[in-house]
C-alpha atoms as a PDB file:
ATOM      1  CA  MET A   1      -7.259   3.181  17.030  1.00  0.00           C
ATOM      2  CA  ASN A   2      -8.616   4.334  13.697  1.00  0.00           C
ATOM      3  CA  PRO A   3     -12.433   3.545  13.742  1.00  0.00           C
ATOM      4  CA  LEU A   4     -12.318   1.690  10.416  1.00  0.00           C
ATOM      5  CA  ARG A   5      -9.297  -0.315  11.541  1.00  0.00           C
ATOM      6  CA  SER A   6     -11.115  -1.192  14.773  1.00  0.00           C
ATOM      7  CA  ILE A   7     -14.114  -2.555  12.843  1.00  0.00           C
ATOM      8  CA  VAL A   8     -11.899  -4.548  10.457  1.00  0.00           C
ATOM      9  CA  ALA A   9      -9.926  -5.944  13.411  1.00  0.00           C
ATOM     10  CA  SER A  10     -13.130  -7.221  14.995  1.00  0.00           C
ATOM     11  CA  LEU A  11     -14.087  -9.023  11.760  1.00  0.00           C
ATOM     12  CA  PHE A  12     -10.637 -10.277  10.754  1.00  0.00           C
ATOM     13  CA  PRO A  13      -8.087 -11.066  13.499  1.00  0.00           C
ATOM     14  CA  ARG A  14      -5.335 -10.727  10.883  1.00  0.00           C
ATOM     15  CA  PHE A  15      -5.591  -7.968   8.298  1.00  0.00           C
ATOM     16  CA  CYS A  16      -3.304  -5.779   6.215  1.00  0.00           C
ATOM     17  CA  TYR A  17      -2.274  -2.690   8.182  1.00  0.00           C
ATOM     18  CA  ILE A  18      -2.432  -0.536   5.050  1.00  0.00           C
ATOM     19  CA  CYS A  19      -5.394  -1.630   2.897  1.00  0.00           C
ATOM     20  CA  PHE A  20      -7.312  -3.642   5.566  1.00  0.00           C
ATOM     21  CA  ALA A  21      -7.598  -6.712   3.332  1.00  0.00           C
ATOM     22  CA  LYS A  22      -7.531 -10.087   5.067  1.00  0.00           C
ATOM     23  CA  SER A  23      -3.902 -11.107   5.487  1.00  0.00           C
ATOM     24  CA  ASP A  24      -1.815 -13.638   7.383  1.00  0.00           C
ATOM     25  CA  ASP A  25       0.958 -11.083   7.833  1.00  0.00           C
ATOM     26  CA  ILE A  26       1.229  -7.384   8.728  1.00  0.00           C
ATOM     27  CA  LEU A  27       0.803  -6.511   5.048  1.00  0.00           C
ATOM     28  CA  CYS A  28      -0.921  -8.337   2.232  1.00  0.00           C
ATOM     29  CA  GLU A  29       1.246  -9.446  -0.692  1.00  0.00           C
ATOM     30  CA  LYS A  30       0.257  -6.438  -2.800  1.00  0.00           C
ATOM     31  CA  CYS A  31       1.065  -3.858  -0.102  1.00  0.00           C
ATOM     32  CA  ALA A  32       4.238  -5.714   0.904  1.00  0.00           C
ATOM     33  CA  GLU A  33       5.491  -5.487  -2.684  1.00  0.00           C
ATOM     34  CA  LYS A  34       4.723  -1.754  -2.759  1.00  0.00           C
ATOM     35  CA  LEU A  35       6.563  -1.239   0.535  1.00  0.00           C
ATOM     36  CA  ARG A  36       9.551  -3.183  -0.808  1.00  0.00           C
ATOM     37  CA  ASP A  37       9.772  -0.701  -3.700  1.00  0.00           C
ATOM     38  CA  LYS A  38       9.848   2.176  -1.178  1.00  0.00           C
ATOM     39  CA  ALA A  39      12.811   0.760   0.746  1.00  0.00           C
ATOM     40  CA  VAL A  40      15.285   3.283  -0.659  1.00  0.00           C
ATOM     41  CA  SER A  41      18.066   2.526   1.862  1.00  0.00           C
ATOM     42  CA  LYS A  42      19.875   5.774   1.187  1.00  0.00           C
ATOM     43  CA  LEU A  43      22.553   7.823   2.916  1.00  0.00           C
ATOM     44  CA  PHE A  44      21.825  11.498   3.528  1.00  0.00           C
ATOM     45  CA  PHE A  45      24.434  14.042   4.625  1.00  0.00           C
ATOM     46  CA  PRO A  46      22.703  16.847   6.596  1.00  0.00           C
ATOM     47  CA  LYS A  47      24.073  20.335   5.997  1.00  0.00           C
ATOM     48  CA  ASP A  48      22.927  21.747   9.336  1.00  0.00           C
ATOM     49  CA  GLY A  49      25.660  20.008  11.313  1.00  0.00           C
ATOM     50  CA  GLY A  50      25.112  17.660  14.213  1.00  0.00           C
ATOM     51  CA  ILE A  51      25.157  14.172  12.743  1.00  0.00           C
ATOM     52  CA  SER A  52      27.684  13.272  10.052  1.00  0.00           C
ATOM     53  CA  ARG A  53      25.377  11.100   7.987  1.00  0.00           C
ATOM     54  CA  LEU A  54      21.859   9.763   8.142  1.00  0.00           C
ATOM     55  CA  TYR A  55      20.640   6.302   7.142  1.00  0.00           C
ATOM     56  CA  VAL A  56      17.123   6.531   5.673  1.00  0.00           C
ATOM     57  CA  LEU A  57      15.263   3.255   5.214  1.00  0.00           C
ATOM     58  CA  PHE A  58      12.056   4.299   3.390  1.00  0.00           C
ATOM     59  CA  GLU A  59      10.822   7.154   1.276  1.00  0.00           C
ATOM     60  CA  TYR A  60       8.067   8.994   3.134  1.00  0.00           C
ATOM     61  CA  ASP A  61       4.562   8.722   1.673  1.00  0.00           C
ATOM     62  CA  ASP A  62       1.015   8.065   2.901  1.00  0.00           C
ATOM     63  CA  GLU A  63       1.479   4.314   3.347  1.00  0.00           C
ATOM     64  CA  VAL A  64       4.782   4.609   5.202  1.00  0.00           C
ATOM     65  CA  ARG A  65       3.359   7.443   7.312  1.00  0.00           C
ATOM     66  CA  SER A  66       0.384   5.255   8.225  1.00  0.00           C
ATOM     67  CA  LEU A  67       2.630   2.412   9.390  1.00  0.00           C
ATOM     68  CA  ILE A  68       4.812   4.716  11.485  1.00  0.00           C
ATOM     69  CA  GLU A  69       1.787   6.384  13.064  1.00  0.00           C
ATOM     70  CA  GLN A  70       0.332   2.984  13.968  1.00  0.00           C
ATOM     71  CA  LEU A  71       3.649   2.060  15.566  1.00  0.00           C
ATOM     72  CA  LYS A  72       3.855   5.372  17.403  1.00  0.00           C
ATOM     73  CA  TYR A  73       0.278   5.980  18.528  1.00  0.00           C
ATOM     74  CA  GLU A  74      -1.322   2.517  18.526  1.00  0.00           C
ATOM     75  CA  LYS A  75       1.713   0.690  20.005  1.00  0.00           C
ATOM     76  CA  ARG A  76       1.936  -1.761  17.106  1.00  0.00           C
ATOM     77  CA  LYS A  77       5.534  -2.685  17.910  1.00  0.00           C
ATOM     78  CA  GLU A  78       5.554  -5.504  15.373  1.00  0.00           C
ATOM     79  CA  ILE A  79       5.654  -2.845  12.652  1.00  0.00           C
ATOM     80  CA  ALA A  80       9.177  -1.853  13.722  1.00  0.00           C
ATOM     81  CA  HIS A  81      10.336  -5.447  13.337  1.00  0.00           C
ATOM     82  CA  TYR A  82       8.684  -5.697   9.921  1.00  0.00           C
ATOM     83  CA  MET A  83      10.139  -2.448   8.581  1.00  0.00           C
ATOM     84  CA  ILE A  84      13.656  -3.094   9.916  1.00  0.00           C
ATOM     85  CA  SER A  85      13.632  -6.447   8.096  1.00  0.00           C
ATOM     86  CA  PHE A  86      14.066  -4.408   4.886  1.00  0.00           C
ATOM     87  CA  CYS A  87      17.317  -2.885   6.169  1.00  0.00           C
ATOM     88  CA  ARG A  88      20.368  -4.000   4.173  1.00  0.00           C
ATOM     89  CA  PHE A  89      22.819  -1.144   4.353  1.00  0.00           C
ATOM     90  CA  VAL A  90      23.724  -0.189   7.940  1.00  0.00           C
ATOM     91  CA  HIS A  91      27.346  -0.881   8.849  1.00  0.00           C
ATOM     92  CA  SER A  92      27.966  -2.795  12.069  1.00  0.00           C
ATOM     93  CA  ASN A  93      31.102  -0.873  13.051  1.00  0.00           C
ATOM     94  CA  TYR A  94      29.303   1.315  15.616  1.00  0.00           C
ATOM     95  CA  ASP A  95      29.852   0.977  19.345  1.00  0.00           C
ATOM     96  CA  CYS A  96      26.227   1.593  20.245  1.00  0.00           C
ATOM     97  CA  ILE A  97      22.764   2.619  19.109  1.00  0.00           C
ATOM     98  CA  VAL A  98      21.130   5.460  21.068  1.00  0.00           C
ATOM     99  CA  PRO A  99      17.359   6.027  20.738  1.00  0.00           C
ATOM    100  CA  VAL A 100      15.964   9.545  21.065  1.00  0.00           C
ATOM    101  CA  PRO A 101      14.847   9.728  24.714  1.00  0.00           C
ATOM    102  CA  LEU A 102      11.369  10.777  25.792  1.00  0.00           C
ATOM    103  CA  HIS A 103      10.649  13.107  28.692  1.00  0.00           C
ATOM    104  CA  PRO A 104       9.121  11.138  31.620  1.00  0.00           C
ATOM    105  CA  VAL A 105       5.834  13.037  31.268  1.00  0.00           C
ATOM    106  CA  ARG A 106       5.592  12.235  27.537  1.00  0.00           C
ATOM    107  CA  TYR A 107       6.485   8.618  28.273  1.00  0.00           C
ATOM    108  CA  ARG A 108       3.587   8.373  30.715  1.00  0.00           C
ATOM    109  CA  GLU A 109       1.276   9.969  28.148  1.00  0.00           C
ATOM    110  CA  ARG A 110       2.296   7.607  25.330  1.00  0.00           C
ATOM    111  CA  GLY A 111       3.161   4.496  27.343  1.00  0.00           C
ATOM    112  CA  PHE A 112       6.316   3.626  25.421  1.00  0.00           C
ATOM    113  CA  ASN A 113       9.161   5.104  23.378  1.00  0.00           C
ATOM    114  CA  GLN A 114       8.858   4.232  19.681  1.00  0.00           C
ATOM    115  CA  SER A 115      12.498   5.218  19.068  1.00  0.00           C
ATOM    116  CA  LEU A 116      13.612   2.630  21.625  1.00  0.00           C
ATOM    117  CA  VAL A 117      11.464  -0.027  19.925  1.00  0.00           C
ATOM    118  CA  ILE A 118      13.067   0.818  16.558  1.00  0.00           C
ATOM    119  CA  ALA A 119      16.536   0.864  18.135  1.00  0.00           C
ATOM    120  CA  ARG A 120      16.074  -2.596  19.644  1.00  0.00           C
ATOM    121  CA  GLU A 121      14.947  -4.033  16.325  1.00  0.00           C
ATOM    122  CA  LEU A 122      17.899  -2.405  14.567  1.00  0.00           C
ATOM    123  CA  SER A 123      20.175  -3.873  17.240  1.00  0.00           C
ATOM    124  CA  ARG A 124      18.814  -7.371  16.615  1.00  0.00           C
ATOM    125  CA  HIS A 125      19.355  -6.855  12.902  1.00  0.00           C
ATOM    126  CA  THR A 126      22.922  -5.497  13.108  1.00  0.00           C
ATOM    127  CA  GLY A 127      24.307  -6.800  16.398  1.00  0.00           C
ATOM    128  CA  ILE A 128      25.073  -3.260  17.595  1.00  0.00           C
ATOM    129  CA  PRO A 129      24.126  -2.866  21.289  1.00  0.00           C
ATOM    130  CA  VAL A 130      21.504  -0.361  22.432  1.00  0.00           C
ATOM    131  CA  VAL A 131      22.411   2.164  25.132  1.00  0.00           C
ATOM    132  CA  LYS A 132      19.349   3.932  26.525  1.00  0.00           C
ATOM    133  CA  SER A 133      20.814   5.286  29.766  1.00  0.00           C
ATOM    134  CA  GLY A 134      23.293   8.117  30.043  1.00  0.00           C
ATOM    135  CA  ILE A 135      21.255  10.550  27.945  1.00  0.00           C
ATOM    136  CA  ILE A 136      18.059  12.202  29.184  1.00  0.00           C
ATOM    137  CA  ARG A 137      15.399  14.550  27.943  1.00  0.00           C
ATOM    138  CA  LYS A 138      15.572  17.118  30.712  1.00  0.00           C
ATOM    139  CA  ARG A 139      12.922  19.515  29.434  1.00  0.00           C
ATOM    140  CA  TYR A 140       9.318  18.789  28.465  1.00  0.00           C
ATOM    141  CA  THR A 141       8.662  20.161  24.984  1.00  0.00           C
ATOM    142  CA  ARG A 142       5.666  20.800  22.749  1.00  0.00           C
ATOM    143  CA  HIS A 143       4.786  18.284  20.050  1.00  0.00           C
ATOM    144  CA  GLN A 144       6.811  19.000  16.903  1.00  0.00           C
ATOM    145  CA  THR A 145       3.836  18.352  14.612  1.00  0.00           C
ATOM    146  CA  GLY A 146       2.656  21.542  12.954  1.00  0.00           C
ATOM    147  CA  LEU A 147       5.787  23.533  13.817  1.00  0.00           C
ATOM    148  CA  GLY A 148       8.026  25.110  11.170  1.00  0.00           C
ATOM    149  CA  LYS A 149      11.764  24.470  10.895  1.00  0.00           C
ATOM    150  CA  THR A 150      12.786  27.447  13.066  1.00  0.00           C
ATOM    151  CA  GLU A 151      10.091  26.692  15.647  1.00  0.00           C
ATOM    152  CA  ARG A 152      11.161  23.036  15.810  1.00  0.00           C
ATOM    153  CA  LYS A 153      14.774  23.961  16.517  1.00  0.00           C
ATOM    154  CA  LYS A 154      13.803  26.502  19.171  1.00  0.00           C
ATOM    155  CA  ASN A 155      11.373  24.038  20.772  1.00  0.00           C
ATOM    156  CA  LEU A 156      14.173  21.502  21.307  1.00  0.00           C
ATOM    157  CA  GLU A 157      17.043  23.796  22.260  1.00  0.00           C
ATOM    158  CA  GLY A 158      18.681  22.476  25.416  1.00  0.00           C
ATOM    159  CA  ALA A 159      16.135  19.675  25.744  1.00  0.00           C
ATOM    160  CA  PHE A 160      18.725  16.888  26.027  1.00  0.00           C
ATOM    161  CA  LYS A 161      21.538  16.239  28.485  1.00  0.00           C
ATOM    162  CA  VAL A 162      24.301  13.615  28.587  1.00  0.00           C
ATOM    163  CA  SER A 163      24.217  12.421  32.192  1.00  0.00           C
ATOM    164  CA  MET A 164      26.948   9.775  31.824  1.00  0.00           C
ATOM    165  CA  PRO A 165      29.518  11.173  29.365  1.00  0.00           C
ATOM    166  CA  GLU A 166      32.036   8.428  30.123  1.00  0.00           C
ATOM    167  CA  ARG A 167      29.754   5.927  28.360  1.00  0.00           C
ATOM    168  CA  PHE A 168      30.185   7.736  25.050  1.00  0.00           C
ATOM    169  CA  GLN A 169      33.767   8.955  25.225  1.00  0.00           C
ATOM    170  CA  LYS A 170      35.502   8.311  21.870  1.00  0.00           C
ATOM    171  CA  LYS A 171      32.678   5.998  20.777  1.00  0.00           C
ATOM    172  CA  LYS A 172      31.032   5.669  17.379  1.00  0.00           C
ATOM    173  CA  ILE A 173      27.327   6.115  18.045  1.00  0.00           C
ATOM    174  CA  MET A 174      24.164   5.968  15.966  1.00  0.00           C
ATOM    175  CA  LEU A 175      21.147   8.032  17.040  1.00  0.00           C
ATOM    176  CA  VAL A 176      17.764   6.506  16.162  1.00  0.00           C
ATOM    177  CA  ASP A 177      14.413   8.207  15.522  1.00  0.00           C
ATOM    178  CA  ASP A 178      11.273   7.363  13.567  1.00  0.00           C
ATOM    179  CA  VAL A 179      11.053  10.194  11.007  1.00  0.00           C
ATOM    180  CA  TYR A 180      13.463  12.904   9.850  1.00  0.00           C
ATOM    181  CA  THR A 181      11.534  16.076   9.014  1.00  0.00           C
ATOM    182  CA  THR A 182      13.705  19.170   9.497  1.00  0.00           C
ATOM    183  CA  GLY A 183      16.479  17.465  11.458  1.00  0.00           C
ATOM    184  CA  ALA A 184      15.768  19.475  14.612  1.00  0.00           C
ATOM    185  CA  THR A 185      15.512  16.450  16.923  1.00  0.00           C
ATOM    186  CA  LEU A 186      18.703  14.687  15.867  1.00  0.00           C
ATOM    187  CA  GLU A 187      20.576  17.978  15.543  1.00  0.00           C
ATOM    188  CA  ASN A 188      19.747  19.056  19.097  1.00  0.00           C
ATOM    189  CA  LEU A 189      20.381  15.582  20.483  1.00  0.00           C
ATOM    190  CA  SER A 190      23.781  15.456  18.794  1.00  0.00           C
ATOM    191  CA  LYS A 191      24.688  18.828  20.323  1.00  0.00           C
ATOM    192  CA  ALA A 192      24.291  17.308  23.781  1.00  0.00           C
ATOM    193  CA  PHE A 193      26.946  14.752  22.818  1.00  0.00           C
ATOM    194  CA  ARG A 194      29.492  17.252  21.504  1.00  0.00           C
ATOM    195  CA  GLY A 195      33.016  16.459  22.652  1.00  0.00           C
ATOM    196  CA  TYR A 196      32.291  12.873  23.728  1.00  0.00           C
ATOM    197  CA  PRO A 197      31.797  10.457  20.785  1.00  0.00           C
ATOM    198  CA  SER A 198      34.228  10.334  17.871  1.00  0.00           C
ATOM    199  CA  VAL A 199      31.397   9.703  15.383  1.00  0.00           C
ATOM    200  CA  ILE A 200      27.704  10.655  15.559  1.00  0.00           C
ATOM    201  CA  ASP A 201      25.470   9.301  12.787  1.00  0.00           C
ATOM    202  CA  GLY A 202      21.726   8.800  12.605  1.00  0.00           C
ATOM    203  CA  PHE A 203      19.106   6.290  11.464  1.00  0.00           C
ATOM    204  CA  VAL A 204      15.409   6.836  10.715  1.00  0.00           C
ATOM    205  CA  LEU A 205      12.655   4.708   9.242  1.00  0.00           C
ATOM    206  CA  ALA A 206      11.720   7.484   6.814  1.00  0.00           C
ATOM    207  CA  SER A 207      12.658  11.009   5.795  1.00  0.00           C
ATOM    208  CA  LYS A 208      10.552  13.868   4.473  1.00  0.00           C
ATOM    209  CA  VAL A 209      13.563  15.511   2.782  1.00  0.00           C
END
């Protein structure tokens, strides 16, 4: 945990996750209003292939980055619920939601899969079921942070495998991740599905593009 956040948490059991002010909710009223203005709820159509379209919930800035990092590295799962509550634009005509899988070694390192947490909250919000089995991360990869676009794609080449293709045959699926940076993760994951689903779209909390 961030040292300052740890000190504030010891003084105030409930505090704003962005500005650290005393708050009865995840964010104080001021920060909640700012976050509401950042809920862009836009559709993005990647040119690199893979997914057909991408649902982006928030514009990516320091505050949104901070919330996602707290979710991802400090296991603040309630942040996923809070951020998904701003979602108003995802269609419910998908057969399933598929979170980006973690390699077993990375799962043991982190203790949980943030994409699965986001997927479950999105499922509660839309009624679309989550399918987490049938797709695996078969190769342990380096962290994507700090890598360029070409390095990111190379790092994830062949990292995913559909182990139960019958589960996705002719289905409309939505892949879920936390942040869209270069598209390498969702692009490589979608390649593993080629020939099975009829539609492959994506959803992220925020996008850097």
